[in-house]
């Protein structure tokens, strides 16, 4: 019997949903096997965006983030978590806290706005909670180390990954050296039942972080998950059950290697999806932007629908986006 409600949650803290975010939501609606897709935001900001009408017509539900604060809660950590949502300087850090609170209260699957859903999540709904691993060169444990050899090894891994990512086919070349990298949790995609023990523990741990630490990059996201799970699955019979999925589930092309999504590939040598077993593909939008020197938007996708892996992944959705944007 499924434990996780078939609900997809997105959080957007900006003034207008970007084209990639629109496509992420549309992909969840069309492919994810969800009965409900919800966007948590400030509706007053998004209501002027007419392109949202097409997503609403397809069933998207807009939810005001403030409603989560107004709802009565008996959680002892709620006041601290609300304070973090209101005061953290980084939107990314605030979103890390919002997503934990939303999934704790409502259950379901959280997805970043640059995660393109590729197939149904239904096989994952039977877990109490799940999260995915990615390959990294700088695991959380490294930052507490003063061993120069560990830092030298990390620098070497970064250099190798950068060199691999410079040419098309980075994913295939990286696979040959992936075993030398670390596996760490990423919270761009995760799911849980309502009040799942693992999410309860994550919320409690987030509430206990000192203000200075909570403000640091990744502390309320990947590093929080890494410390709590140890990057390993825990059985359903344990106090904090959680399925920790391999990188191909959500991060088939990891940091820097994600350049393959936008590499020139006119003969489809990279295929139509990054991995046939992937449930979603997190695009690492900031990395892709840095590689391209521009944001991936409708104009870019229309020009590269057939000539890039990303274009082929969303080819069936781009006409709908163009219609919604009135172009």
C-alpha atoms as a PDB file:
ATOM      1  CA  UNK A   1       0.000   0.000   0.000  1.00  0.00           C
ATOM      2  CA  UNK A   2       1.464   3.412  -0.967  1.00  0.00           C
ATOM      3  CA  UNK A   3       2.686   5.526   1.923  1.00  0.00           C
ATOM      4  CA  UNK A   4       3.648   8.648  -0.012  1.00  0.00           C
ATOM      5  CA  UNK A   5       0.701  10.634  -1.407  1.00  0.00           C
ATOM      6  CA  UNK A   6       0.967  11.032  -5.209  1.00  0.00           C
ATOM      7  CA  UNK A   7       1.416  14.788  -4.893  1.00  0.00           C
ATOM      8  CA  UNK A   8       4.213  16.835  -6.471  1.00  0.00           C
ATOM      9  CA  UNK A   9       5.325  20.054  -4.769  1.00  0.00           C
ATOM     10  CA  UNK A  10       7.308  22.903  -6.284  1.00  0.00           C
ATOM     11  CA  UNK A  11       8.461  26.063  -4.466  1.00  0.00           C
ATOM     12  CA  UNK A  12       9.138  29.340  -6.249  1.00  0.00           C
ATOM     13  CA  UNK A  13      10.318  32.442  -4.395  1.00  0.00           C
ATOM     14  CA  UNK A  14      10.980  34.658  -7.403  1.00  0.00           C
ATOM     15  CA  UNK A  15       8.807  37.251  -9.166  1.00  0.00           C
ATOM     16  CA  UNK A  16       8.005  35.164 -12.270  1.00  0.00           C
ATOM     17  CA  UNK A  17       8.359  31.473 -12.992  1.00  0.00           C
ATOM     18  CA  UNK A  18      11.117  31.029 -15.612  1.00  0.00           C
ATOM     19  CA  UNK A  19      10.567  28.958 -18.732  1.00  0.00           C
ATOM     20  CA  UNK A  20      12.531  26.034 -17.311  1.00  0.00           C
ATOM     21  CA  UNK A  21      10.335  26.061 -14.196  1.00  0.00           C
ATOM     22  CA  UNK A  22       7.220  26.059 -16.382  1.00  0.00           C
ATOM     23  CA  UNK A  23       8.533  22.999 -18.207  1.00  0.00           C
ATOM     24  CA  UNK A  24       9.439  21.250 -14.953  1.00  0.00           C
ATOM     25  CA  UNK A  25       5.872  21.609 -13.687  1.00  0.00           C
ATOM     26  CA  UNK A  26       4.394  20.562 -17.036  1.00  0.00           C
ATOM     27  CA  UNK A  27       6.635  17.476 -17.107  1.00  0.00           C
ATOM     28  CA  UNK A  28       5.432  16.487 -13.621  1.00  0.00           C
ATOM     29  CA  UNK A  29       1.820  16.915 -14.707  1.00  0.00           C
ATOM     30  CA  UNK A  30       2.216  14.885 -17.878  1.00  0.00           C
ATOM     31  CA  UNK A  31       4.694  12.172 -16.886  1.00  0.00           C
ATOM     32  CA  UNK A  32       5.020  11.877 -13.109  1.00  0.00           C
ATOM     33  CA  UNK A  33       1.994   9.772 -12.199  1.00  0.00           C
ATOM     34  CA  UNK A  34       0.868  12.412  -9.697  1.00  0.00           C
ATOM     35  CA  UNK A  35      -2.781  13.010  -8.817  1.00  0.00           C
ATOM     36  CA  UNK A  36      -1.986  16.597  -7.828  1.00  0.00           C
ATOM     37  CA  UNK A  37       0.781  19.070  -8.708  1.00  0.00           C
ATOM     38  CA  UNK A  38       1.160  22.098  -6.451  1.00  0.00           C
ATOM     39  CA  UNK A  39       3.215  25.267  -6.715  1.00  0.00           C
ATOM     40  CA  UNK A  40       3.938  26.996  -3.417  1.00  0.00           C
ATOM     41  CA  UNK A  41       4.642  30.681  -3.915  1.00  0.00           C
ATOM     42  CA  UNK A  42       3.349  34.163  -3.275  1.00  0.00           C
ATOM     43  CA  UNK A  43       0.262  34.169  -5.538  1.00  0.00           C
ATOM     44  CA  UNK A  44       0.123  37.964  -5.714  1.00  0.00           C
ATOM     45  CA  UNK A  45       3.476  37.867  -7.495  1.00  0.00           C
ATOM     46  CA  UNK A  46       2.570  35.159  -9.991  1.00  0.00           C
ATOM     47  CA  UNK A  47      -1.018  36.112 -10.798  1.00  0.00           C
ATOM     48  CA  UNK A  48       0.149  38.615 -13.433  1.00  0.00           C
ATOM     49  CA  UNK A  49       1.931  35.783 -15.300  1.00  0.00           C
ATOM     50  CA  UNK A  50      -0.652  34.724 -17.899  1.00  0.00           C
ATOM     51  CA  UNK A  51       1.385  31.648 -18.828  1.00  0.00           C
ATOM     52  CA  UNK A  52       0.353  30.136 -15.497  1.00  0.00           C
ATOM     53  CA  UNK A  53      -3.202  29.806 -16.822  1.00  0.00           C
ATOM     54  CA  UNK A  54      -2.230  26.890 -19.051  1.00  0.00           C
ATOM     55  CA  UNK A  55      -0.702  25.038 -16.098  1.00  0.00           C
ATOM     56  CA  UNK A  56      -3.764  25.778 -13.955  1.00  0.00           C
ATOM     57  CA  UNK A  57      -6.020  24.543 -16.745  1.00  0.00           C
ATOM     58  CA  UNK A  58      -4.037  21.290 -16.644  1.00  0.00           C
ATOM     59  CA  UNK A  59      -4.668  21.005 -12.896  1.00  0.00           C
ATOM     60  CA  UNK A  60      -1.855  22.954 -11.218  1.00  0.00           C
ATOM     61  CA  UNK A  61      -2.833  24.173  -7.760  1.00  0.00           C
ATOM     62  CA  UNK A  62      -1.323  27.416  -6.472  1.00  0.00           C
ATOM     63  CA  UNK A  63      -0.712  27.495  -2.722  1.00  0.00           C
ATOM     64  CA  UNK A  64       0.250  30.545  -0.704  1.00  0.00           C
ATOM     65  CA  UNK A  65       3.377  29.934   1.371  1.00  0.00           C
ATOM     66  CA  UNK A  66       1.846  32.086   4.089  1.00  0.00           C
ATOM     67  CA  UNK A  67      -0.896  29.485   4.544  1.00  0.00           C
ATOM     68  CA  UNK A  68       1.692  27.114   5.957  1.00  0.00           C
ATOM     69  CA  UNK A  69       2.518  29.674   8.638  1.00  0.00           C
ATOM     70  CA  UNK A  70      -1.143  30.297   9.393  1.00  0.00           C
ATOM     71  CA  UNK A  71      -1.951  26.618   9.837  1.00  0.00           C
ATOM     72  CA  UNK A  72      -1.989  25.437  13.431  1.00  0.00           C
ATOM     73  CA  UNK A  73       0.981  23.217  14.257  1.00  0.00           C
ATOM     74  CA  UNK A  74       2.033  21.339  17.337  1.00  0.00           C
ATOM     75  CA  UNK A  75       5.595  20.808  16.125  1.00  0.00           C
ATOM     76  CA  UNK A  76       8.041  22.103  18.713  1.00  0.00           C
ATOM     77  CA  UNK A  77      10.470  23.276  16.028  1.00  0.00           C
ATOM     78  CA  UNK A  78       7.941  25.235  13.937  1.00  0.00           C
ATOM     79  CA  UNK A  79       8.700  28.674  15.387  1.00  0.00           C
ATOM     80  CA  UNK A  80      12.396  28.300  14.620  1.00  0.00           C
ATOM     81  CA  UNK A  81      11.706  26.997  11.098  1.00  0.00           C
ATOM     82  CA  UNK A  82       9.325  29.889  10.431  1.00  0.00           C
ATOM     83  CA  UNK A  83      12.008  32.289  11.598  1.00  0.00           C
ATOM     84  CA  UNK A  84      14.518  30.732   9.198  1.00  0.00           C
ATOM     85  CA  UNK A  85      12.056  31.017   6.291  1.00  0.00           C
ATOM     86  CA  UNK A  86      11.577  34.696   7.079  1.00  0.00           C
ATOM     87  CA  UNK A  87      15.148  35.763   7.806  1.00  0.00           C
ATOM     88  CA  UNK A  88      17.680  33.657   5.909  1.00  0.00           C
ATOM     89  CA  UNK A  89      19.406  35.927   3.373  1.00  0.00           C
ATOM     90  CA  UNK A  90      19.644  33.286   0.641  1.00  0.00           C
ATOM     91  CA  UNK A  91      16.451  32.351  -1.286  1.00  0.00           C
ATOM     92  CA  UNK A  92      17.938  28.891  -1.858  1.00  0.00           C
ATOM     93  CA  UNK A  93      18.391  28.359   1.890  1.00  0.00           C
ATOM     94  CA  UNK A  94      14.850  29.563   2.603  1.00  0.00           C
ATOM     95  CA  UNK A  95      13.548  27.170  -0.038  1.00  0.00           C
ATOM     96  CA  UNK A  96      15.445  24.315   1.665  1.00  0.00           C
ATOM     97  CA  UNK A  97      13.400  24.929   4.813  1.00  0.00           C
ATOM     98  CA  UNK A  98      10.100  25.544   3.031  1.00  0.00           C
ATOM     99  CA  UNK A  99      10.313  22.210   1.209  1.00  0.00           C
ATOM    100  CA  UNK A 100      10.874  20.275   4.439  1.00  0.00           C
ATOM    101  CA  UNK A 101       7.927  21.961   6.123  1.00  0.00           C
ATOM    102  CA  UNK A 102       5.640  21.400   3.130  1.00  0.00           C
ATOM    103  CA  UNK A 103       6.442  17.707   2.746  1.00  0.00           C
ATOM    104  CA  UNK A 104       6.217  17.115   6.497  1.00  0.00           C
ATOM    105  CA  UNK A 105       2.732  18.645   6.584  1.00  0.00           C
ATOM    106  CA  UNK A 106       1.302  17.319   3.320  1.00  0.00           C
ATOM    107  CA  UNK A 107       3.465  14.397   2.223  1.00  0.00           C
ATOM    108  CA  UNK A 108       4.356  13.867  -1.419  1.00  0.00           C
ATOM    109  CA  UNK A 109       7.352  14.539  -3.646  1.00  0.00           C
ATOM    110  CA  UNK A 110       9.314  17.773  -3.729  1.00  0.00           C
ATOM    111  CA  UNK A 111      11.005  18.758  -7.016  1.00  0.00           C
ATOM    112  CA  UNK A 112      13.275  21.670  -7.786  1.00  0.00           C
ATOM    113  CA  UNK A 113      12.100  23.983 -10.558  1.00  0.00           C
ATOM    114  CA  UNK A 114      14.964  22.762 -12.776  1.00  0.00           C
ATOM    115  CA  UNK A 115      14.103  19.052 -12.434  1.00  0.00           C
ATOM    116  CA  UNK A 116      12.496  17.612 -15.572  1.00  0.00           C
ATOM    117  CA  UNK A 117      10.323  14.586 -14.804  1.00  0.00           C
ATOM    118  CA  UNK A 118      10.947  11.730 -17.242  1.00  0.00           C
ATOM    119  CA  UNK A 119       8.686   8.911 -16.020  1.00  0.00           C
ATOM    120  CA  UNK A 120       6.180   7.960 -13.330  1.00  0.00           C
ATOM    121  CA  UNK A 121       7.268   8.149  -9.693  1.00  0.00           C
ATOM    122  CA  UNK A 122       4.679   5.511  -8.716  1.00  0.00           C
ATOM    123  CA  UNK A 123       7.296   2.822  -7.881  1.00  0.00           C
ATOM    124  CA  UNK A 124       8.661   5.152  -5.169  1.00  0.00           C
ATOM    125  CA  UNK A 125       5.372   5.829  -3.375  1.00  0.00           C
ATOM    126  CA  UNK A 126       5.686   2.669  -1.240  1.00  0.00           C
ATOM    127  CA  UNK A 127       8.635   4.060   0.738  1.00  0.00           C
ATOM    128  CA  UNK A 128       8.273   6.073   3.930  1.00  0.00           C
ATOM    129  CA  UNK A 129      10.754   8.548   2.457  1.00  0.00           C
ATOM    130  CA  UNK A 130      13.335   8.678  -0.300  1.00  0.00           C
ATOM    131  CA  UNK A 131      16.142  10.885  -1.520  1.00  0.00           C
ATOM    132  CA  UNK A 132      18.804  10.551  -4.217  1.00  0.00           C
ATOM    133  CA  UNK A 133      22.590  10.501  -4.374  1.00  0.00           C
ATOM    134  CA  UNK A 134      24.858  12.477  -6.685  1.00  0.00           C
ATOM    135  CA  UNK A 135      28.584  12.206  -7.405  1.00  0.00           C
ATOM    136  CA  UNK A 136      30.556  15.019  -5.733  1.00  0.00           C
ATOM    137  CA  UNK A 137      34.181  15.983  -5.250  1.00  0.00           C
ATOM    138  CA  UNK A 138      33.600  17.926  -2.022  1.00  0.00           C
ATOM    139  CA  UNK A 139      31.556  15.886   0.487  1.00  0.00           C
ATOM    140  CA  UNK A 140      30.355  17.534   3.683  1.00  0.00           C
ATOM    141  CA  UNK A 141      32.828  15.574   5.818  1.00  0.00           C
ATOM    142  CA  UNK A 142      35.746  17.118   3.928  1.00  0.00           C
ATOM    143  CA  UNK A 143      35.099  20.583   5.376  1.00  0.00           C
ATOM    144  CA  UNK A 144      35.924  19.370   8.883  1.00  0.00           C
ATOM    145  CA  UNK A 145      39.239  17.883   7.753  1.00  0.00           C
ATOM    146  CA  UNK A 146      42.629  19.531   8.109  1.00  0.00           C
ATOM    147  CA  UNK A 147      44.380  16.735   6.227  1.00  0.00           C
ATOM    148  CA  UNK A 148      46.146  18.357   3.233  1.00  0.00           C
ATOM    149  CA  UNK A 149      46.137  15.064   1.341  1.00  0.00           C
ATOM    150  CA  UNK A 150      42.341  14.877   1.426  1.00  0.00           C
ATOM    151  CA  UNK A 151      42.096  18.427   0.123  1.00  0.00           C
ATOM    152  CA  UNK A 152      44.686  17.731  -2.577  1.00  0.00           C
ATOM    153  CA  UNK A 153      42.674  14.707  -3.694  1.00  0.00           C
ATOM    154  CA  UNK A 154      39.513  16.823  -3.825  1.00  0.00           C
ATOM    155  CA  UNK A 155      41.308  19.430  -5.957  1.00  0.00           C
ATOM    156  CA  UNK A 156      42.447  16.685  -8.325  1.00  0.00           C
ATOM    157  CA  UNK A 157      38.899  15.350  -8.629  1.00  0.00           C
ATOM    158  CA  UNK A 158      37.599  18.829  -9.412  1.00  0.00           C
ATOM    159  CA  UNK A 159      40.232  19.228 -12.128  1.00  0.00           C
ATOM    160  CA  UNK A 160      39.421  15.848 -13.655  1.00  0.00           C
ATOM    161  CA  UNK A 161      35.682  16.551 -13.655  1.00  0.00           C
ATOM    162  CA  UNK A 162      36.201  19.967 -15.231  1.00  0.00           C
ATOM    163  CA  UNK A 163      38.351  18.492 -18.008  1.00  0.00           C
ATOM    164  CA  UNK A 164      35.784  15.767 -18.696  1.00  0.00           C
ATOM    165  CA  UNK A 165      32.926  18.277 -18.879  1.00  0.00           C
ATOM    166  CA  UNK A 166      34.530  20.367 -21.604  1.00  0.00           C
ATOM    167  CA  UNK A 167      33.502  18.106 -24.479  1.00  0.00           C
ATOM    168  CA  UNK A 168      30.309  16.406 -25.630  1.00  0.00           C
ATOM    169  CA  UNK A 169      29.857  12.919 -24.195  1.00  0.00           C
ATOM    170  CA  UNK A 170      30.962  13.979 -20.715  1.00  0.00           C
ATOM    171  CA  UNK A 171      28.535  11.520 -19.101  1.00  0.00           C
ATOM    172  CA  UNK A 172      30.095   8.514 -20.807  1.00  0.00           C
ATOM    173  CA  UNK A 173      33.630   9.596 -19.942  1.00  0.00           C
ATOM    174  CA  UNK A 174      32.704  10.427 -16.348  1.00  0.00           C
ATOM    175  CA  UNK A 175      31.221   6.946 -15.859  1.00  0.00           C
ATOM    176  CA  UNK A 176      34.739   5.517 -16.218  1.00  0.00           C
ATOM    177  CA  UNK A 177      36.031   7.514 -13.228  1.00  0.00           C
ATOM    178  CA  UNK A 178      32.851   7.901 -11.178  1.00  0.00           C
ATOM    179  CA  UNK A 179      33.989   5.333  -8.598  1.00  0.00           C
ATOM    180  CA  UNK A 180      36.716   7.757  -7.458  1.00  0.00           C
ATOM    181  CA  UNK A 181      34.140  10.401  -6.490  1.00  0.00           C
ATOM    182  CA  UNK A 182      31.986  10.580  -3.358  1.00  0.00           C
ATOM    183  CA  UNK A 183      28.275   9.797  -3.202  1.00  0.00           C
ATOM    184  CA  UNK A 184      26.253  12.401  -1.328  1.00  0.00           C
ATOM    185  CA  UNK A 185      22.560  13.195  -0.914  1.00  0.00           C
ATOM    186  CA  UNK A 186      20.997  16.042  -2.842  1.00  0.00           C
ATOM    187  CA  UNK A 187      17.590  17.425  -1.809  1.00  0.00           C
ATOM    188  CA  UNK A 188      16.562  18.718  -5.250  1.00  0.00           C
ATOM    189  CA  UNK A 189      14.182  15.738  -5.373  1.00  0.00           C
ATOM    190  CA  UNK A 190      12.851  13.820  -2.382  1.00  0.00           C
ATOM    191  CA  UNK A 191       9.613  12.309  -1.171  1.00  0.00           C
ATOM    192  CA  UNK A 192       7.999  11.276   2.095  1.00  0.00           C
ATOM    193  CA  UNK A 193       4.759  10.274   3.718  1.00  0.00           C
ATOM    194  CA  UNK A 194       3.011  12.829   5.943  1.00  0.00           C
ATOM    195  CA  UNK A 195       5.071  13.404   9.098  1.00  0.00           C
ATOM    196  CA  UNK A 196       7.645  10.832   7.959  1.00  0.00           C
ATOM    197  CA  UNK A 197      10.157  10.080  10.744  1.00  0.00           C
ATOM    198  CA  UNK A 198      13.110  11.038   8.520  1.00  0.00           C
ATOM    199  CA  UNK A 199      11.583  14.406   7.622  1.00  0.00           C
ATOM    200  CA  UNK A 200      10.694  14.998  11.279  1.00  0.00           C
ATOM    201  CA  UNK A 201      14.348  14.379  12.151  1.00  0.00           C
ATOM    202  CA  UNK A 202      15.539  16.700   9.375  1.00  0.00           C
ATOM    203  CA  UNK A 203      13.237  19.483  10.565  1.00  0.00           C
ATOM    204  CA  UNK A 204      14.451  19.065  14.149  1.00  0.00           C
ATOM    205  CA  UNK A 205      18.085  19.125  13.010  1.00  0.00           C
ATOM    206  CA  UNK A 206      17.494  22.238  10.883  1.00  0.00           C
ATOM    207  CA  UNK A 207      15.851  24.024  13.806  1.00  0.00           C
ATOM    208  CA  UNK A 208      18.854  23.289  16.018  1.00  0.00           C
ATOM    209  CA  UNK A 209      21.488  24.688  13.659  1.00  0.00           C
ATOM    210  CA  UNK A 210      23.193  27.866  14.930  1.00  0.00           C
ATOM    211  CA  UNK A 211      22.279  30.920  12.877  1.00  0.00           C
ATOM    212  CA  UNK A 212      25.753  31.277  11.373  1.00  0.00           C
ATOM    213  CA  UNK A 213      25.842  27.656  10.230  1.00  0.00           C
ATOM    214  CA  UNK A 214      22.284  27.764   8.885  1.00  0.00           C
ATOM    215  CA  UNK A 215      23.282  30.670   6.638  1.00  0.00           C
ATOM    216  CA  UNK A 216      26.103  28.755   4.961  1.00  0.00           C
ATOM    217  CA  UNK A 217      25.683  27.358   1.475  1.00  0.00           C
ATOM    218  CA  UNK A 218      24.154  23.841   1.370  1.00  0.00           C
ATOM    219  CA  UNK A 219      23.895  23.486   5.173  1.00  0.00           C
ATOM    220  CA  UNK A 220      20.089  23.251   5.192  1.00  0.00           C
ATOM    221  CA  UNK A 221      20.012  21.156   2.044  1.00  0.00           C
ATOM    222  CA  UNK A 222      22.442  18.462   0.883  1.00  0.00           C
ATOM    223  CA  UNK A 223      24.640  18.586   3.970  1.00  0.00           C
ATOM    224  CA  UNK A 224      21.663  18.291   6.322  1.00  0.00           C
ATOM    225  CA  UNK A 225      20.510  15.185   4.452  1.00  0.00           C
ATOM    226  CA  UNK A 226      24.043  13.794   4.323  1.00  0.00           C
ATOM    227  CA  UNK A 227      24.505  14.120   8.073  1.00  0.00           C
ATOM    228  CA  UNK A 228      21.084  12.623   8.831  1.00  0.00           C
ATOM    229  CA  UNK A 229      21.213   9.652   6.443  1.00  0.00           C
ATOM    230  CA  UNK A 230      24.933   8.969   6.273  1.00  0.00           C
ATOM    231  CA  UNK A 231      24.227   8.664   2.518  1.00  0.00           C
ATOM    232  CA  UNK A 232      22.843   5.168   3.111  1.00  0.00           C
ATOM    233  CA  UNK A 233      19.391   3.604   2.994  1.00  0.00           C
ATOM    234  CA  UNK A 234      17.757   2.568   6.241  1.00  0.00           C
ATOM    235  CA  UNK A 235      15.176  -0.269   6.276  1.00  0.00           C
ATOM    236  CA  UNK A 236      11.493   0.230   6.957  1.00  0.00           C
ATOM    237  CA  UNK A 237      11.939  -1.544  10.297  1.00  0.00           C
ATOM    238  CA  UNK A 238      14.274   1.147  11.662  1.00  0.00           C
ATOM    239  CA  UNK A 239      13.371   4.343  13.508  1.00  0.00           C
ATOM    240  CA  UNK A 240      14.180   6.580  10.520  1.00  0.00           C
ATOM    241  CA  UNK A 241      13.326   4.609   7.368  1.00  0.00           C
ATOM    242  CA  UNK A 242      14.573   6.148   4.140  1.00  0.00           C
ATOM    243  CA  UNK A 243      15.448   4.797   0.710  1.00  0.00           C
ATOM    244  CA  UNK A 244      18.576   6.441  -0.661  1.00  0.00           C
ATOM    245  CA  UNK A 245      18.537   6.014  -4.433  1.00  0.00           C
ATOM    246  CA  UNK A 246      21.560   5.822  -6.771  1.00  0.00           C
ATOM    247  CA  UNK A 247      22.592   8.813  -8.917  1.00  0.00           C
ATOM    248  CA  UNK A 248      20.809   7.635 -12.053  1.00  0.00           C
ATOM    249  CA  UNK A 249      17.406   8.146 -10.320  1.00  0.00           C
ATOM    250  CA  UNK A 250      17.509  11.971 -10.308  1.00  0.00           C
ATOM    251  CA  UNK A 251      21.084  13.035 -11.154  1.00  0.00           C
ATOM    252  CA  UNK A 252      22.074  10.965 -14.206  1.00  0.00           C
ATOM    253  CA  UNK A 253      24.382  13.813 -15.230  1.00  0.00           C
ATOM    254  CA  UNK A 254      25.919  15.325 -12.107  1.00  0.00           C
ATOM    255  CA  UNK A 255      27.557  18.665 -11.347  1.00  0.00           C
ATOM    256  CA  UNK A 256      29.553  20.030 -14.327  1.00  0.00           C
ATOM    257  CA  UNK A 257      28.837  16.839 -16.297  1.00  0.00           C
ATOM    258  CA  UNK A 258      25.362  18.336 -16.792  1.00  0.00           C
ATOM    259  CA  UNK A 259      26.924  20.360 -19.628  1.00  0.00           C
ATOM    260  CA  UNK A 260      25.904  17.388 -21.785  1.00  0.00           C
ATOM    261  CA  UNK A 261      22.285  18.571 -21.520  1.00  0.00           C
ATOM    262  CA  UNK A 262      23.062  21.622 -23.659  1.00  0.00           C
ATOM    263  CA  UNK A 263      25.986  20.298 -25.726  1.00  0.00           C
ATOM    264  CA  UNK A 264      25.591  20.490 -29.511  1.00  0.00           C
ATOM    265  CA  UNK A 265      24.364  17.024 -30.443  1.00  0.00           C
ATOM    266  CA  UNK A 266      22.654  17.177 -33.859  1.00  0.00           C
ATOM    267  CA  UNK A 267      22.887  13.421 -34.490  1.00  0.00           C
ATOM    268  CA  UNK A 268      21.362  12.475 -31.106  1.00  0.00           C
ATOM    269  CA  UNK A 269      24.467  10.576 -30.043  1.00  0.00           C
ATOM    270  CA  UNK A 270      23.515  11.334 -26.426  1.00  0.00           C
ATOM    271  CA  UNK A 271      20.025   9.886 -26.868  1.00  0.00           C
ATOM    272  CA  UNK A 272      16.654  11.341 -25.913  1.00  0.00           C
ATOM    273  CA  UNK A 273      17.021  10.864 -22.129  1.00  0.00           C
ATOM    274  CA  UNK A 274      20.189  10.835 -20.001  1.00  0.00           C
ATOM    275  CA  UNK A 275      19.403   7.400 -18.506  1.00  0.00           C
ATOM    276  CA  UNK A 276      16.489   5.027 -19.178  1.00  0.00           C
ATOM    277  CA  UNK A 277      16.161   4.370 -15.428  1.00  0.00           C
ATOM    278  CA  UNK A 278      15.969   8.047 -14.439  1.00  0.00           C
ATOM    279  CA  UNK A 279      12.753   9.263 -12.847  1.00  0.00           C
ATOM    280  CA  UNK A 280      13.796  12.880 -13.305  1.00  0.00           C
ATOM    281  CA  UNK A 281      16.801  14.836 -14.484  1.00  0.00           C
ATOM    282  CA  UNK A 282      17.991  17.651 -12.257  1.00  0.00           C
ATOM    283  CA  UNK A 283      19.604  20.142 -14.629  1.00  0.00           C
ATOM    284  CA  UNK A 284      21.797  22.167 -12.241  1.00  0.00           C
ATOM    285  CA  UNK A 285      20.443  25.302 -13.915  1.00  0.00           C
ATOM    286  CA  UNK A 286      23.112  27.645 -12.514  1.00  0.00           C
ATOM    287  CA  UNK A 287      25.875  25.412 -13.924  1.00  0.00           C
ATOM    288  CA  UNK A 288      24.160  25.174 -17.311  1.00  0.00           C
ATOM    289  CA  UNK A 289      23.723  28.956 -17.383  1.00  0.00           C
ATOM    290  CA  UNK A 290      27.390  29.443 -16.639  1.00  0.00           C
ATOM    291  CA  UNK A 291      28.359  27.028 -19.420  1.00  0.00           C
ATOM    292  CA  UNK A 292      26.044  28.608 -21.993  1.00  0.00           C
ATOM    293  CA  UNK A 293      26.605  32.190 -20.880  1.00  0.00           C
ATOM    294  CA  UNK A 294      22.813  32.671 -20.852  1.00  0.00           C
ATOM    295  CA  UNK A 295      19.613  31.294 -19.355  1.00  0.00           C
ATOM    296  CA  UNK A 296      17.875  28.353 -20.987  1.00  0.00           C
ATOM    297  CA  UNK A 297      14.584  29.876 -22.131  1.00  0.00           C
ATOM    298  CA  UNK A 298      11.895  29.349 -24.749  1.00  0.00           C
ATOM    299  CA  UNK A 299      13.884  31.037 -27.525  1.00  0.00           C
ATOM    300  CA  UNK A 300      16.932  28.865 -26.859  1.00  0.00           C
ATOM    301  CA  UNK A 301      14.856  25.689 -26.675  1.00  0.00           C
ATOM    302  CA  UNK A 302      13.024  26.454 -29.913  1.00  0.00           C
ATOM    303  CA  UNK A 303      16.395  26.816 -31.629  1.00  0.00           C
ATOM    304  CA  UNK A 304      17.843  23.649 -30.058  1.00  0.00           C
ATOM    305  CA  UNK A 305      14.911  21.260 -29.715  1.00  0.00           C
ATOM    306  CA  UNK A 306      16.428  18.672 -32.045  1.00  0.00           C
ATOM    307  CA  UNK A 307      20.116  19.414 -31.563  1.00  0.00           C
ATOM    308  CA  UNK A 308      20.543  18.995 -27.790  1.00  0.00           C
ATOM    309  CA  UNK A 309      19.722  16.346 -25.211  1.00  0.00           C
ATOM    310  CA  UNK A 310      17.728  18.861 -23.155  1.00  0.00           C
ATOM    311  CA  UNK A 311      15.805  19.983 -26.226  1.00  0.00           C
ATOM    312  CA  UNK A 312      14.759  16.429 -27.013  1.00  0.00           C
ATOM    313  CA  UNK A 313      13.785  15.797 -23.362  1.00  0.00           C
ATOM    314  CA  UNK A 314      11.219  18.597 -23.471  1.00  0.00           C
ATOM    315  CA  UNK A 315      10.364  18.642 -27.176  1.00  0.00           C
ATOM    316  CA  UNK A 316       6.738  17.626 -26.571  1.00  0.00           C
ATOM    317  CA  UNK A 317       6.307  20.412 -24.002  1.00  0.00           C
ATOM    318  CA  UNK A 318       7.914  23.339 -25.850  1.00  0.00           C
ATOM    319  CA  UNK A 319       4.911  24.038 -28.159  1.00  0.00           C
ATOM    320  CA  UNK A 320       2.658  24.255 -25.098  1.00  0.00           C
ATOM    321  CA  UNK A 321       5.081  26.690 -23.456  1.00  0.00           C
ATOM    322  CA  UNK A 322       5.201  28.787 -26.613  1.00  0.00           C
ATOM    323  CA  UNK A 323       1.407  28.913 -26.722  1.00  0.00           C
ATOM    324  CA  UNK A 324       1.214  29.813 -23.027  1.00  0.00           C
ATOM    325  CA  UNK A 325       3.749  32.615 -23.502  1.00  0.00           C
ATOM    326  CA  UNK A 326       1.876  33.859 -26.592  1.00  0.00           C
ATOM    327  CA  UNK A 327       4.820  33.307 -28.937  1.00  0.00           C
END
